[in-house]
Amino acid sequence: MLNHITQTTLLLDEEKCRRNIAMMAEKAARNNIRLRPHFKTHQSAQVGEWFREAGTEAITVSSLKMARYFAMHGWKDIMVAIPVNIRDMALVNELAEKIKLHLVAVNIETVQALAKHLQHPVNLWLKIDTGYRRTGILPHSHEELDAIVALLEESERLQFTGVLAHDGHTYKQTDAEAIRTIHHTTVFLLNLVRDRYKARFPELQVSIGDTPSCSILQTITGVDEIRPGNFVFYDLTQQHIGSCSFEQIAVCMACPVIAKHPERNEIIVHGGSVHFSKDSLVGADGSLIFGRVVELTENSWSEPLEGIELVSLSQEHGTIRASKELFDKYKIGDLMGILPIHSCLTADAMGNYTTLDGKRLEHLSGIAK
């Protein structure tokens, strides 16, 4: 597995990845809800096919450009989960002509622009801010909601499809009960909004999407679909939250050792912020860590080793601090395996994947570059 690797490489364990996909697909089926996975984590046509093989028919993306990429690879039911960029109306109309396009709005100005310039029907979802405080309409902003819904009623091409939320604040939790509370609060608030309009729109749906709640909860009620994304790979953040085990993390960076400094037991690898991003976690001693070191094997990698961590990143360099025993284990030219803090950003930075059997898989950012 390792002999052909000459530079910083993002390894993908296909078996783990497929298990993660199957786990979430089974959970959705068991709860009789739609799995509309967020493809922003992997952004890969080949990984997308693994979802298709598991029965996925509808997907979520984070940009119109990403929607076009997956539409080109045969996906016909796509939600762009970020509030729609009305400056890109030409691409909106291009996609709406070819696929079942779902767009998200958080204000009346966007709805007005869509109503005026759309050339083909689209499904419109209203994003509700249920506590994350990033963007969205507050659930009790009845005057604002009523005005938007009235405009949707008049539009020939905008179909009011449902209400959705993203519980990004679950990422700040490490207690399963706190995550369940956030989830149940969101579902309650979304259903309050749906109930306000269901007499006029009886087919209105509720959609939620965050990996922590979708991973931790076994029973999911009160929603029509879930949109988790990070679960396809997981990462150290999700393990820290409690969403997954180390065994479920399906990506690992292979970084060449380029320098060693015995006077401070530090190993320098070619793997910096341009590879990992700058996301971090607080380590056991209270300092920041930017990744955990694992032992690369012929078939995969081990759980994180104790006494050795990625403690600093510059643009191209990564600094690993190790115990004397582990420091002596590595020599110049070796490959070190490092689990990422945030797999979405690491994958986007790297632009491709190498599977354990040596196959190279594409990533949208790598194509764009």
Protein backbone atom coordinates (compact mmCIF):
# COMPACT_ATOMS: atom_id res chain seq x y z
CA MET A 1 0.00 0.00 0.00
CA LEU A 2 2.76 2.47 0.91
CA ASN A 3 5.56 1.85 -1.58
CA HIS A 4 3.98 3.85 -4.41
CA ILE A 5 3.31 6.94 -2.22
CA THR A 6 5.89 9.67 -2.80
CA GLN A 7 4.15 12.78 -1.48
CA THR A 8 1.50 13.94 0.96
CA THR A 9 -1.54 11.77 0.17
CA LEU A 10 -5.08 11.45 1.49
CA LEU A 11 -5.80 7.76 1.94
CA LEU A 12 -9.37 6.48 1.75
CA ASP A 13 -10.42 3.18 3.29
CA GLU A 14 -13.22 2.13 0.93
CA GLU A 15 -14.45 -0.65 3.22
CA LYS A 16 -14.91 1.71 6.18
CA CYS A 17 -16.53 4.31 3.95
CA ARG A 18 -19.03 1.83 2.52
CA ARG A 19 -19.86 0.61 6.04
CA ASN A 20 -20.59 4.18 7.13
CA ILE A 21 -22.86 4.67 4.12
CA ALA A 22 -24.69 1.39 4.78
CA MET A 23 -25.14 2.28 8.46
CA MET A 24 -26.87 5.59 7.72
CA ALA A 25 -28.92 4.14 4.86
CA GLU A 26 -30.18 1.37 7.14
CA LYS A 27 -31.05 3.86 9.87
CA ALA A 28 -33.05 6.02 7.46
CA ALA A 29 -34.89 2.97 6.08
CA ARG A 30 -35.63 1.70 9.58
CA ASN A 31 -37.14 5.06 10.54
CA ASN A 32 -39.04 5.32 7.23
CA ILE A 33 -37.38 8.61 6.26
CA ARG A 34 -35.43 9.72 3.21
CA LEU A 35 -31.65 9.86 3.35
CA ARG A 36 -30.57 12.90 1.31
CA PRO A 37 -26.84 12.80 2.15
CA HIS A 38 -24.75 15.95 1.92
CA PHE A 39 -22.07 15.39 -0.69
CA LYS A 40 -19.98 18.42 0.35
CA THR A 41 -17.79 16.12 2.45
CA HIS A 42 -16.54 13.85 -0.33
CA GLN A 43 -17.37 15.83 -3.52
CA SER A 44 -16.46 12.76 -5.56
CA ALA A 45 -18.36 11.12 -8.40
CA GLN A 46 -16.87 7.73 -7.49
CA VAL A 47 -17.84 7.96 -3.81
CA GLY A 48 -21.26 9.13 -4.97
CA GLU A 49 -21.63 5.83 -6.80
CA TRP A 50 -21.16 3.97 -3.52
CA PHE A 51 -24.17 5.88 -2.20
CA ARG A 52 -26.16 5.03 -5.32
CA GLU A 53 -25.34 1.35 -4.82
CA ALA A 54 -26.72 1.68 -1.27
CA GLY A 55 -30.04 2.99 -2.61
CA THR A 56 -29.55 6.78 -2.44
CA GLU A 57 -31.58 8.71 -5.03
CA ALA A 58 -31.64 12.28 -3.65
CA ILE A 59 -28.60 14.28 -2.55
CA THR A 60 -27.58 17.57 -0.94
CA VAL A 61 -24.77 19.86 -2.09
CA SER A 62 -23.35 23.17 -0.89
CA SER A 63 -23.10 25.14 -4.13
CA LEU A 64 -24.64 25.45 -7.56
CA LYS A 65 -21.29 24.46 -9.07
CA MET A 66 -21.35 21.26 -7.03
CA ALA A 67 -24.93 20.62 -8.14
CA ARG A 68 -23.84 20.91 -11.79
CA TYR A 69 -20.97 18.47 -11.20
CA PHE A 70 -23.23 15.78 -9.71
CA ALA A 71 -25.97 16.46 -12.27
CA MET A 72 -23.35 15.69 -14.95
CA HIS A 73 -22.83 12.35 -13.19
CA GLY A 74 -26.47 11.35 -13.37
CA TRP A 75 -28.00 12.67 -10.16
CA LYS A 76 -31.52 13.97 -10.83
CA ASP A 77 -32.80 15.11 -7.40
CA ILE A 78 -30.43 17.67 -5.86
CA MET A 79 -30.81 20.17 -3.01
CA VAL A 80 -28.46 23.15 -2.79
CA ALA A 81 -28.53 23.65 0.97
CA ILE A 82 -26.88 27.06 1.13
CA PRO A 83 -29.21 30.06 0.59
CA VAL A 84 -29.34 30.51 -3.17
CA ASN A 85 -27.02 33.06 -4.78
CA ILE A 86 -29.33 35.11 -7.01
CA ARG A 87 -26.36 36.50 -8.95
CA ASP A 88 -26.00 33.04 -10.49
CA MET A 89 -29.52 32.86 -11.93
CA ALA A 90 -28.22 31.56 -15.27
CA LEU A 91 -26.85 28.43 -13.59
CA VAL A 92 -30.06 28.09 -11.53
CA ASN A 93 -32.07 28.00 -14.74
CA GLU A 94 -29.61 25.66 -16.45
CA LEU A 95 -29.97 23.15 -13.60
CA ALA A 96 -33.72 23.58 -13.17
CA GLU A 97 -34.21 22.62 -16.80
CA LYS A 98 -32.38 19.30 -16.36
CA ILE A 99 -33.02 18.05 -12.82
CA LYS A 100 -35.40 18.23 -9.88
CA LEU A 101 -33.71 21.20 -8.23
CA HIS A 102 -34.28 22.16 -4.60
CA LEU A 103 -33.26 25.65 -3.48
CA VAL A 104 -33.14 27.28 -0.05
CA ALA A 105 -34.20 30.82 0.87
CA VAL A 106 -33.97 32.81 4.10
CA ASN A 107 -35.48 36.14 3.01
CA ILE A 108 -38.19 37.60 0.81
CA GLU A 109 -35.73 39.35 -1.53
CA THR A 110 -34.40 36.01 -2.73
CA VAL A 111 -37.91 34.67 -3.29
CA GLN A 112 -38.86 37.80 -5.24
CA ALA A 113 -35.80 37.44 -7.48
CA LEU A 114 -36.51 33.77 -8.12
CA ALA A 115 -40.16 34.45 -8.87
CA LYS A 116 -39.14 37.08 -11.40
CA HIS A 117 -36.28 35.31 -13.19
CA LEU A 118 -36.93 31.56 -13.01
CA GLN A 119 -37.55 29.93 -16.37
CA HIS A 120 -38.32 26.45 -15.00
CA PRO A 121 -40.01 25.08 -11.85
CA VAL A 122 -37.95 24.57 -8.70
CA ASN A 123 -38.68 23.25 -5.22
CA LEU A 124 -38.16 25.92 -2.59
CA TRP A 125 -37.37 25.26 1.07
CA LEU A 126 -37.36 27.86 3.82
CA LYS A 127 -34.42 27.58 6.17
CA ILE A 128 -35.42 28.06 9.81
CA ASP A 129 -32.95 29.17 12.48
CA THR A 130 -33.70 26.81 15.35
CA GLY A 131 -30.71 27.78 17.47
CA TYR A 132 -27.52 27.65 15.42
CA ARG A 133 -27.63 31.41 14.73
CA ARG A 134 -25.77 31.25 11.42
CA THR A 135 -28.62 32.09 9.07
CA GLY A 136 -32.29 31.34 8.68
CA ILE A 137 -35.70 32.72 9.56
CA LEU A 138 -36.63 32.57 13.23
CA PRO A 139 -39.54 30.14 13.73
CA HIS A 140 -41.71 32.77 15.44
CA SER A 141 -41.15 35.47 12.79
CA HIS A 142 -44.71 34.97 11.60
CA GLU A 143 -45.02 38.23 9.70
CA GLU A 144 -41.87 37.53 7.70
CA LEU A 145 -42.84 33.92 7.05
CA ASP A 146 -46.40 34.83 6.07
CA ALA A 147 -45.17 37.38 3.52
CA ILE A 148 -42.79 34.86 1.92
CA VAL A 149 -45.42 32.11 1.84
CA ALA A 150 -47.96 34.46 0.26
CA LEU A 151 -45.44 35.19 -2.50
CA LEU A 152 -44.82 31.47 -2.99
CA GLU A 153 -48.56 30.91 -3.35
CA GLU A 154 -48.66 33.39 -6.22
CA SER A 155 -45.63 32.04 -8.07
CA GLU A 156 -46.08 29.71 -11.01
CA ARG A 157 -42.57 28.23 -10.85
CA LEU A 158 -41.77 28.17 -7.13
CA GLN A 159 -43.12 25.13 -5.33
CA PHE A 160 -43.11 25.53 -1.55
CA THR A 161 -41.72 22.12 -0.61
CA GLY A 162 -40.79 22.33 3.04
CA VAL A 163 -38.84 23.75 5.95
CA LEU A 164 -35.36 22.73 6.99
CA ALA A 165 -32.64 23.42 9.52
CA HIS A 166 -29.01 22.59 10.15
CA ASP A 167 -28.12 21.98 13.80
CA GLY A 168 -24.53 23.16 13.54
CA HIS A 169 -24.49 23.80 17.28
CA THR A 170 -24.41 20.04 17.90
CA TYR A 171 -20.74 20.23 16.86
CA LYS A 172 -19.99 22.11 20.08
CA GLN A 173 -21.34 19.27 22.24
CA THR A 174 -19.73 16.13 23.64
CA ASP A 175 -22.75 14.94 25.61
CA ALA A 176 -25.21 12.69 23.79
CA GLU A 177 -28.15 13.97 25.82
CA ALA A 178 -27.36 17.58 24.87
CA ILE A 179 -27.31 16.57 21.20
CA ARG A 180 -30.65 14.79 21.58
CA THR A 181 -32.12 17.91 23.21
CA ILE A 182 -30.95 20.13 20.35
CA HIS A 183 -32.36 17.68 17.83
CA HIS A 184 -35.77 17.39 19.50
CA THR A 185 -36.01 21.19 19.91
CA THR A 186 -35.30 21.65 16.21
CA VAL A 187 -37.85 19.05 15.14
CA PHE A 188 -40.46 20.66 17.41
CA LEU A 189 -39.82 24.15 16.00
CA LEU A 190 -39.81 22.99 12.39
CA ASN A 191 -43.11 21.23 12.89
CA LEU A 192 -44.58 24.39 14.42
CA VAL A 193 -43.74 26.22 11.20
CA ARG A 194 -45.05 23.38 9.04
CA ASP A 195 -48.29 23.24 11.02
CA ARG A 196 -48.87 26.93 10.38
CA TYR A 197 -49.05 26.35 6.62
CA LYS A 198 -50.00 22.70 6.14
CA ALA A 199 -53.68 23.50 5.49
CA ARG A 200 -52.60 25.48 2.42
CA PHE A 201 -49.64 23.21 1.59
CA PRO A 202 -50.58 19.72 2.82
CA GLU A 203 -47.47 18.11 1.28
CA LEU A 204 -44.97 20.30 3.20
CA GLN A 205 -41.93 18.36 4.41
CA VAL A 206 -39.43 18.71 7.24
CA SER A 207 -35.72 18.19 6.63
CA ILE A 208 -32.84 18.17 9.12
CA GLY A 209 -29.16 17.58 8.64
CA ASP A 210 -26.19 17.23 10.96
CA THR A 211 -23.93 14.26 11.46
CA PRO A 212 -23.83 14.27 15.30
CA SER A 213 -27.58 13.91 15.83
CA CYS A 214 -28.08 11.59 12.86
CA SER A 215 -25.26 9.38 14.17
CA ILE A 216 -26.18 9.32 17.85
CA LEU A 217 -29.96 8.94 17.57
CA GLN A 218 -31.32 5.53 16.65
CA THR A 219 -34.95 6.64 16.47
CA ILE A 220 -35.70 9.72 14.36
CA THR A 221 -39.29 10.92 14.17
CA GLY A 222 -41.13 14.05 13.07
CA VAL A 223 -39.06 14.57 9.90
CA ASP A 224 -39.29 13.44 6.30
CA GLU A 225 -35.59 13.39 5.50
CA ILE A 226 -32.11 13.67 6.99
CA ARG A 227 -29.10 15.34 5.33
CA PRO A 228 -25.91 14.33 7.20
CA GLY A 229 -22.66 14.51 5.25
CA ASN A 230 -19.54 14.10 7.37
CA PHE A 231 -20.52 10.56 8.40
CA VAL A 232 -19.22 9.21 5.08
CA PHE A 233 -15.64 9.68 6.36
CA TYR A 234 -16.04 10.92 9.96
CA ASP A 235 -12.95 12.52 11.59
CA LEU A 236 -11.41 13.37 14.95
CA THR A 237 -14.01 16.07 15.63
CA GLN A 238 -16.82 13.55 15.26
CA GLN A 239 -14.99 11.06 17.46
CA HIS A 240 -14.51 13.80 20.07
CA ILE A 241 -18.23 14.62 19.94
CA GLY A 242 -19.14 10.95 20.31
CA SER A 243 -20.63 10.48 16.83
CA CYS A 244 -18.24 7.70 15.86
CA SER A 245 -15.37 5.48 16.98
CA PHE A 246 -11.79 5.75 15.73
CA GLU A 247 -12.51 2.58 13.73
CA GLN A 248 -15.12 4.41 11.65
CA ILE A 249 -12.80 7.20 10.47
CA ALA A 250 -12.34 6.35 6.79
CA VAL A 251 -9.66 8.87 5.71
CA CYS A 252 -6.07 9.29 6.83
CA MET A 253 -3.24 11.52 5.65
CA ALA A 254 0.05 9.88 4.70
CA CYS A 255 2.79 12.46 5.25
CA PRO A 256 6.51 12.01 4.46
CA VAL A 257 8.99 12.67 7.27
CA ILE A 258 11.32 15.45 6.07
CA ALA A 259 13.20 16.42 9.27
CA LYS A 260 13.82 15.32 12.86
CA HIS A 261 14.93 17.40 15.85
CA PRO A 262 16.08 15.14 18.71
CA GLU A 263 16.82 18.05 21.05
CA ARG A 264 13.07 18.66 21.31
CA ASN A 265 11.65 15.28 20.17
CA GLU A 266 9.91 16.86 17.20
CA ILE A 267 9.36 15.33 13.78
CA ILE A 268 8.65 17.54 10.76
CA VAL A 269 6.39 16.15 8.05
CA HIS A 270 5.36 17.50 4.69
CA GLY A 271 1.78 18.15 5.67
CA GLY A 272 0.71 21.67 6.60
CA SER A 273 -2.33 23.88 6.66
CA VAL A 274 -2.65 23.69 2.86
CA HIS A 275 -3.23 19.96 3.34
CA PHE A 276 -5.09 19.70 6.65
CA SER A 277 -6.69 23.17 7.03
CA LYS A 278 -6.18 24.93 10.38
CA ASP A 279 -8.98 23.22 12.32
CA SER A 280 -7.88 22.00 15.74
CA LEU A 281 -8.99 20.27 18.92
CA VAL A 282 -7.84 20.67 22.50
CA GLY A 283 -5.51 17.84 23.46
CA ALA A 284 -5.28 15.98 26.76
CA ASP A 285 -2.81 18.51 28.19
CA GLY A 286 -4.94 21.51 27.16
CA SER A 287 -2.85 22.47 24.12
CA LEU A 288 -4.14 22.50 20.54
CA ILE A 289 -3.68 19.49 18.29
CA PHE A 290 -4.13 19.41 14.52
CA GLY A 291 -4.22 15.64 14.02
CA ARG A 292 -3.53 12.29 15.71
CA VAL A 293 -0.78 9.95 14.56
CA VAL A 294 -1.65 6.36 13.61
CA GLU A 295 0.46 3.44 12.42
CA LEU A 296 -0.04 2.75 8.73
CA THR A 297 -0.51 -0.93 7.89
CA GLU A 298 -0.87 -2.89 4.66
CA ASN A 299 -4.64 -3.07 5.09
CA SER A 300 -5.50 0.25 6.81
CA TRP A 301 -4.22 2.00 9.92
CA SER A 302 -4.27 1.62 13.69
CA GLU A 303 -6.10 3.63 16.32
CA PRO A 304 -4.23 6.81 17.38
CA LEU A 305 -0.94 6.22 19.16
CA GLU A 306 -0.47 7.68 22.62
CA GLY A 307 2.42 10.03 23.25
CA ILE A 308 2.61 11.52 19.74
CA GLU A 309 0.49 14.27 18.15
CA LEU A 310 0.47 16.86 15.37
CA VAL A 311 0.89 20.04 17.40
CA SER A 312 1.60 22.79 14.87
CA LEU A 313 0.98 23.64 11.22
CA SER A 314 2.49 26.20 8.92
CA GLN A 315 1.71 26.37 5.21
CA GLU A 316 3.57 23.21 4.13
CA HIS A 317 5.13 21.92 7.37
CA GLY A 318 3.57 19.90 10.16
CA THR A 319 5.27 19.58 13.55
CA ILE A 320 4.76 16.33 15.45
CA ARG A 321 5.79 16.13 19.09
CA ALA A 322 6.58 12.61 20.27
CA SER A 323 7.76 10.64 23.25
CA LYS A 324 11.42 9.58 23.03
CA GLU A 325 10.39 6.01 22.24
CA LEU A 326 8.10 7.01 19.37
CA PHE A 327 10.48 9.71 18.13
CA ASP A 328 13.19 7.05 17.65
CA LYS A 329 10.79 4.82 15.73
CA TYR A 330 10.62 7.12 12.66
CA LYS A 331 13.39 8.02 10.22
CA ILE A 332 13.73 10.52 7.40
CA GLY A 333 11.70 9.36 4.40
CA ASP A 334 9.17 7.33 6.39
CA LEU A 335 5.45 7.90 5.92
CA MET A 336 3.43 8.90 8.97
CA GLY A 337 -0.32 8.39 9.12
CA ILE A 338 -2.34 11.26 10.60
CA LEU A 339 -6.09 11.33 11.18
CA PRO A 340 -7.58 14.74 10.29
CA ILE A 341 -9.53 17.00 12.60
CA HIS A 342 -12.06 17.91 9.89
CA SER A 343 -12.32 15.52 6.95
CA CYS A 344 -14.46 17.88 4.82
CA LEU A 345 -11.81 20.61 4.75
CA THR A 346 -8.92 18.17 4.44
CA ALA A 347 -10.53 16.49 1.43
CA ASP A 348 -11.25 19.86 -0.17
CA ALA A 349 -7.66 20.97 0.36
CA MET A 350 -6.19 17.76 -1.06
CA GLY A 351 -8.40 17.55 -4.15
CA ASN A 352 -8.27 13.74 -4.57
CA TYR A 353 -8.10 10.44 -2.72
CA THR A 354 -6.00 7.29 -2.98
CA THR A 355 -7.71 4.08 -1.93
CA LEU A 356 -5.81 1.39 -0.04
CA ASP A 357 -5.51 -0.65 -3.23
CA GLY A 358 -3.95 2.28 -5.07
CA LYS A 359 -6.92 3.65 -7.01
CA ARG A 360 -7.09 7.43 -7.41
CA LEU A 361 -10.52 8.99 -6.90
CA GLU A 362 -11.41 12.49 -8.01
CA HIS A 363 -12.65 15.41 -5.93
CA LEU A 364 -14.43 18.44 -7.40
CA SER A 365 -11.82 20.86 -6.02
CA GLY A 366 -9.05 18.92 -7.75
CA ILE A 367 -10.90 19.10 -11.05
CA ALA A 368 -11.44 22.84 -10.60
CA LYS A 369 -7.72 23.33 -9.96
